Amino acid sequence: MPLKDHFLRRSLWRLWQPRRGLFWLMLAFNALSSGLAWWLHLAQPSGTLLVVVTLLALTNTLIGWWLLLILWREGADTNSGEKKHV
């Protein structure tokens, strides 16, 4: 179990990069898509408004995941240069 815990902790540290603008942009896109989905659920719009807001929410989600992938990959590059403790 400690191995799994270590993997999860290391994975979270690869994503947690508050000094980078991409980190905050990723959080903003994910929060906006959640807000749009929440509004769609409450307001239940119809017609064109439903399609437009749904596409905006999906686009925000895809951009948020894309930024998350960039942070994940770049976090792995910066962590690979650290000394490993045995």
N, C-alpha and C. Protein backbone atom coordinates (compact mmCIF):
# COMPACT_ATOMS: atom_id res chain seq x y z
N MET A 1 0.81 -1.21 0.00
CA MET A 1 0.00 0.00 0.00
C MET A 1 0.85 1.27 0.00
N PRO A 2 2.00 1.30 0.67
CA PRO A 2 2.81 2.52 0.64
C PRO A 2 3.27 2.87 -0.77
N LEU A 3 3.48 1.85 -1.63
CA LEU A 3 3.89 2.13 -3.00
C LEU A 3 2.80 2.90 -3.74
N LYS A 4 1.56 2.48 -3.57
CA LYS A 4 0.44 3.15 -4.22
C LYS A 4 0.29 4.57 -3.70
N ASP A 5 0.44 4.74 -2.40
CA ASP A 5 0.36 6.07 -1.80
C ASP A 5 1.46 6.98 -2.35
N HIS A 6 2.66 6.43 -2.48
CA HIS A 6 3.77 7.21 -3.02
C HIS A 6 3.49 7.62 -4.47
N PHE A 7 2.93 6.71 -5.26
CA PHE A 7 2.60 7.01 -6.65
C PHE A 7 1.56 8.12 -6.74
N LEU A 8 0.52 8.06 -5.91
CA LEU A 8 -0.52 9.09 -5.93
C LEU A 8 0.03 10.44 -5.51
N ARG A 9 0.88 10.45 -4.49
CA ARG A 9 1.46 11.70 -4.01
C ARG A 9 2.35 12.31 -5.10
N ARG A 10 3.16 11.48 -5.73
CA ARG A 10 4.04 11.96 -6.80
C ARG A 10 3.23 12.47 -7.99
N SER A 11 2.13 11.79 -8.29
CA SER A 11 1.28 12.21 -9.40
C SER A 11 0.64 13.57 -9.13
N LEU A 12 0.18 13.78 -7.90
CA LEU A 12 -0.41 15.07 -7.56
C LEU A 12 0.61 16.18 -7.63
N TRP A 13 1.85 15.91 -7.20
CA TRP A 13 2.88 16.94 -7.25
C TRP A 13 3.26 17.28 -8.68
N ARG A 14 3.07 16.34 -9.61
CA ARG A 14 3.33 16.64 -11.02
C ARG A 14 2.33 17.65 -11.54
N LEU A 15 1.14 17.65 -11.01
CA LEU A 15 0.09 18.57 -11.46
C LEU A 15 0.08 19.88 -10.68
N TRP A 16 0.46 19.84 -9.43
CA TRP A 16 0.39 21.02 -8.56
C TRP A 16 1.56 21.95 -8.88
N GLN A 17 1.28 22.96 -9.72
CA GLN A 17 2.30 23.92 -10.14
C GLN A 17 1.73 25.34 -10.05
N PRO A 18 1.47 25.84 -8.84
CA PRO A 18 0.78 27.13 -8.70
C PRO A 18 1.58 28.32 -9.19
N ARG A 19 2.86 28.16 -9.45
CA ARG A 19 3.65 29.28 -9.96
C ARG A 19 3.52 29.45 -11.47
N ARG A 20 2.88 28.52 -12.11
CA ARG A 20 2.72 28.57 -13.56
C ARG A 20 1.33 29.06 -13.92
N GLY A 21 1.28 29.88 -14.94
CA GLY A 21 -0.01 30.40 -15.40
C GLY A 21 -0.91 29.32 -15.97
N LEU A 22 -0.31 28.29 -16.59
CA LEU A 22 -1.11 27.19 -17.14
C LEU A 22 -1.92 26.48 -16.07
N PHE A 23 -1.36 26.36 -14.90
CA PHE A 23 -2.07 25.71 -13.80
C PHE A 23 -3.37 26.46 -13.49
N TRP A 24 -3.27 27.78 -13.35
CA TRP A 24 -4.45 28.58 -13.02
C TRP A 24 -5.42 28.66 -14.20
N LEU A 25 -4.88 28.66 -15.42
CA LEU A 25 -5.74 28.65 -16.60
C LEU A 25 -6.52 27.34 -16.69
N MET A 26 -5.85 26.23 -16.39
CA MET A 26 -6.51 24.93 -16.38
C MET A 26 -7.63 24.90 -15.33
N LEU A 27 -7.35 25.42 -14.15
CA LEU A 27 -8.39 25.47 -13.12
C LEU A 27 -9.56 26.36 -13.54
N ALA A 28 -9.26 27.48 -14.19
CA ALA A 28 -10.32 28.39 -14.63
C ALA A 28 -11.20 27.73 -15.69
N PHE A 29 -10.59 27.06 -16.66
CA PHE A 29 -11.39 26.39 -17.70
C PHE A 29 -12.25 25.28 -17.10
N ASN A 30 -11.70 24.51 -16.19
CA ASN A 30 -12.48 23.44 -15.57
C ASN A 30 -13.60 24.00 -14.69
N ALA A 31 -13.33 25.08 -13.98
CA ALA A 31 -14.38 25.70 -13.16
C ALA A 31 -15.48 26.30 -14.04
N LEU A 32 -15.08 26.92 -15.14
CA LEU A 32 -16.08 27.50 -16.04
C LEU A 32 -16.96 26.43 -16.67
N SER A 33 -16.36 25.30 -17.07
CA SER A 33 -17.17 24.23 -17.65
C SER A 33 -18.12 23.64 -16.60
N SER A 34 -17.66 23.55 -15.36
CA SER A 34 -18.55 23.07 -14.29
C SER A 34 -19.68 24.06 -14.05
N GLY A 35 -19.36 25.34 -14.06
CA GLY A 35 -20.39 26.36 -13.89
C GLY A 35 -21.41 26.34 -15.01
N LEU A 36 -20.94 26.17 -16.24
CA LEU A 36 -21.86 26.10 -17.37
C LEU A 36 -22.76 24.87 -17.29
N ALA A 37 -22.18 23.74 -16.90
CA ALA A 37 -22.99 22.52 -16.75
C ALA A 37 -24.02 22.68 -15.64
N TRP A 38 -23.61 23.34 -14.56
CA TRP A 38 -24.55 23.60 -13.46
C TRP A 38 -25.68 24.50 -13.94
N TRP A 39 -25.35 25.55 -14.69
CA TRP A 39 -26.36 26.47 -15.20
C TRP A 39 -27.30 25.75 -16.16
N LEU A 40 -26.74 24.87 -17.03
CA LEU A 40 -27.59 24.10 -17.94
C LEU A 40 -28.57 23.22 -17.18
N HIS A 41 -28.12 22.66 -16.09
CA HIS A 41 -28.99 21.80 -15.30
C HIS A 41 -30.11 22.60 -14.63
N LEU A 42 -29.77 23.78 -14.11
CA LEU A 42 -30.77 24.58 -13.41
C LEU A 42 -31.72 25.30 -14.36
N ALA A 43 -31.18 25.94 -15.39
CA ALA A 43 -32.01 26.77 -16.27
C ALA A 43 -32.77 25.95 -17.30
N GLN A 44 -32.23 24.83 -17.70
CA GLN A 44 -32.82 23.96 -18.73
C GLN A 44 -33.27 24.77 -19.95
N PRO A 45 -32.30 25.43 -20.61
CA PRO A 45 -32.66 26.21 -21.80
C PRO A 45 -33.03 25.28 -22.95
N SER A 46 -33.62 25.85 -23.98
CA SER A 46 -34.00 25.03 -25.13
C SER A 46 -33.51 25.68 -26.41
N GLY A 47 -33.51 24.92 -27.46
CA GLY A 47 -33.16 25.43 -28.78
C GLY A 47 -31.69 25.76 -28.94
N THR A 48 -31.46 26.89 -29.59
CA THR A 48 -30.09 27.30 -29.93
C THR A 48 -29.27 27.59 -28.69
N LEU A 49 -29.87 28.18 -27.67
CA LEU A 49 -29.13 28.48 -26.45
C LEU A 49 -28.59 27.21 -25.81
N LEU A 50 -29.37 26.15 -25.82
CA LEU A 50 -28.93 24.87 -25.27
C LEU A 50 -27.71 24.35 -26.02
N VAL A 51 -27.77 24.42 -27.35
CA VAL A 51 -26.65 23.92 -28.17
C VAL A 51 -25.40 24.76 -27.95
N VAL A 52 -25.55 26.09 -27.92
CA VAL A 52 -24.40 26.98 -27.77
C VAL A 52 -23.74 26.79 -26.41
N VAL A 53 -24.52 26.78 -25.34
CA VAL A 53 -23.95 26.66 -24.00
C VAL A 53 -23.35 25.26 -23.80
N THR A 54 -23.97 24.24 -24.36
CA THR A 54 -23.42 22.89 -24.27
C THR A 54 -22.08 22.81 -24.99
N LEU A 55 -21.99 23.39 -26.18
CA LEU A 55 -20.72 23.39 -26.90
C LEU A 55 -19.65 24.18 -26.16
N LEU A 56 -20.03 25.28 -25.54
CA LEU A 56 -19.07 26.04 -24.74
C LEU A 56 -18.56 25.23 -23.55
N ALA A 57 -19.47 24.54 -22.88
CA ALA A 57 -19.06 23.72 -21.74
C ALA A 57 -18.14 22.59 -22.17
N LEU A 58 -18.47 21.93 -23.27
CA LEU A 58 -17.62 20.85 -23.76
C LEU A 58 -16.26 21.36 -24.23
N THR A 59 -16.25 22.51 -24.90
CA THR A 59 -14.99 23.09 -25.34
C THR A 59 -14.12 23.47 -24.15
N ASN A 60 -14.72 24.06 -23.12
CA ASN A 60 -13.96 24.40 -21.91
C ASN A 60 -13.40 23.15 -21.25
N THR A 61 -14.16 22.09 -21.24
CA THR A 61 -13.68 20.83 -20.66
C THR A 61 -12.50 20.29 -21.44
N LEU A 62 -12.60 20.29 -22.77
CA LEU A 62 -11.50 19.79 -23.59
C LEU A 62 -10.24 20.63 -23.43
N ILE A 63 -10.38 21.94 -23.37
CA ILE A 63 -9.22 22.81 -23.17
C ILE A 63 -8.62 22.57 -21.79
N GLY A 64 -9.46 22.42 -20.77
CA GLY A 64 -8.96 22.14 -19.43
C GLY A 64 -8.19 20.84 -19.37
N TRP A 65 -8.69 19.79 -20.03
CA TRP A 65 -7.99 18.51 -20.05
C TRP A 65 -6.69 18.60 -20.84
N TRP A 66 -6.69 19.37 -21.93
CA TRP A 66 -5.49 19.56 -22.73
C TRP A 66 -4.40 20.27 -21.90
N LEU A 67 -4.79 21.30 -21.16
CA LEU A 67 -3.84 21.99 -20.29
C LEU A 67 -3.35 21.07 -19.17
N LEU A 68 -4.24 20.24 -18.66
CA LEU A 68 -3.85 19.26 -17.64
C LEU A 68 -2.80 18.29 -18.19
N LEU A 69 -2.97 17.87 -19.43
CA LEU A 69 -2.00 16.98 -20.06
C LEU A 69 -0.65 17.66 -20.22
N ILE A 70 -0.65 18.93 -20.61
CA ILE A 70 0.60 19.68 -20.73
C ILE A 70 1.30 19.78 -19.38
N LEU A 71 0.56 20.12 -18.34
CA LEU A 71 1.14 20.20 -17.01
C LEU A 71 1.68 18.85 -16.55
N TRP A 72 0.97 17.78 -16.86
CA TRP A 72 1.38 16.44 -16.46
C TRP A 72 2.71 16.07 -17.12
N ARG A 73 2.80 16.33 -18.42
CA ARG A 73 4.03 15.99 -19.16
C ARG A 73 5.20 16.85 -18.72
N GLU A 74 4.98 18.15 -18.57
CA GLU A 74 6.08 19.03 -18.17
C GLU A 74 6.47 18.79 -16.71
N GLY A 75 5.53 18.39 -15.89
CA GLY A 75 5.84 18.05 -14.50
C GLY A 75 6.71 16.82 -14.41
N ALA A 76 6.53 15.88 -15.34
CA ALA A 76 7.37 14.69 -15.37
C ALA A 76 8.78 15.05 -15.78
N ASP A 77 8.95 16.02 -16.68
CA ASP A 77 10.28 16.43 -17.11
C ASP A 77 11.04 17.09 -15.98
N THR A 78 10.37 17.93 -15.21
CA THR A 78 11.08 18.62 -14.13
C THR A 78 11.39 17.68 -12.97
N ASN A 79 10.54 16.68 -12.75
CA ASN A 79 10.78 15.73 -11.66
C ASN A 79 11.83 14.69 -12.01
N SER A 80 12.11 14.49 -13.30
CA SER A 80 13.08 13.46 -13.67
C SER A 80 14.50 13.87 -13.34
N GLY A 81 14.76 15.19 -13.18
CA GLY A 81 16.09 15.65 -12.86
C GLY A 81 16.40 15.60 -11.37
N GLU A 82 15.41 15.32 -10.54
CA GLU A 82 15.64 15.27 -9.10
C GLU A 82 16.34 13.97 -8.72
N LYS A 83 17.06 14.02 -7.64
CA LYS A 83 17.71 12.81 -7.13
C LYS A 83 16.67 11.89 -6.52
N LYS A 84 16.84 10.60 -6.80
CA LYS A 84 15.91 9.62 -6.25
C LYS A 84 16.46 9.10 -4.94
N HIS A 85 15.57 9.01 -3.96
CA HIS A 85 15.95 8.48 -2.65
C HIS A 85 15.65 7.00 -2.61
N VAL A 86 16.59 6.24 -2.13
CA VAL A 86 16.40 4.79 -2.07
C VAL A 86 16.06 4.37 -0.67
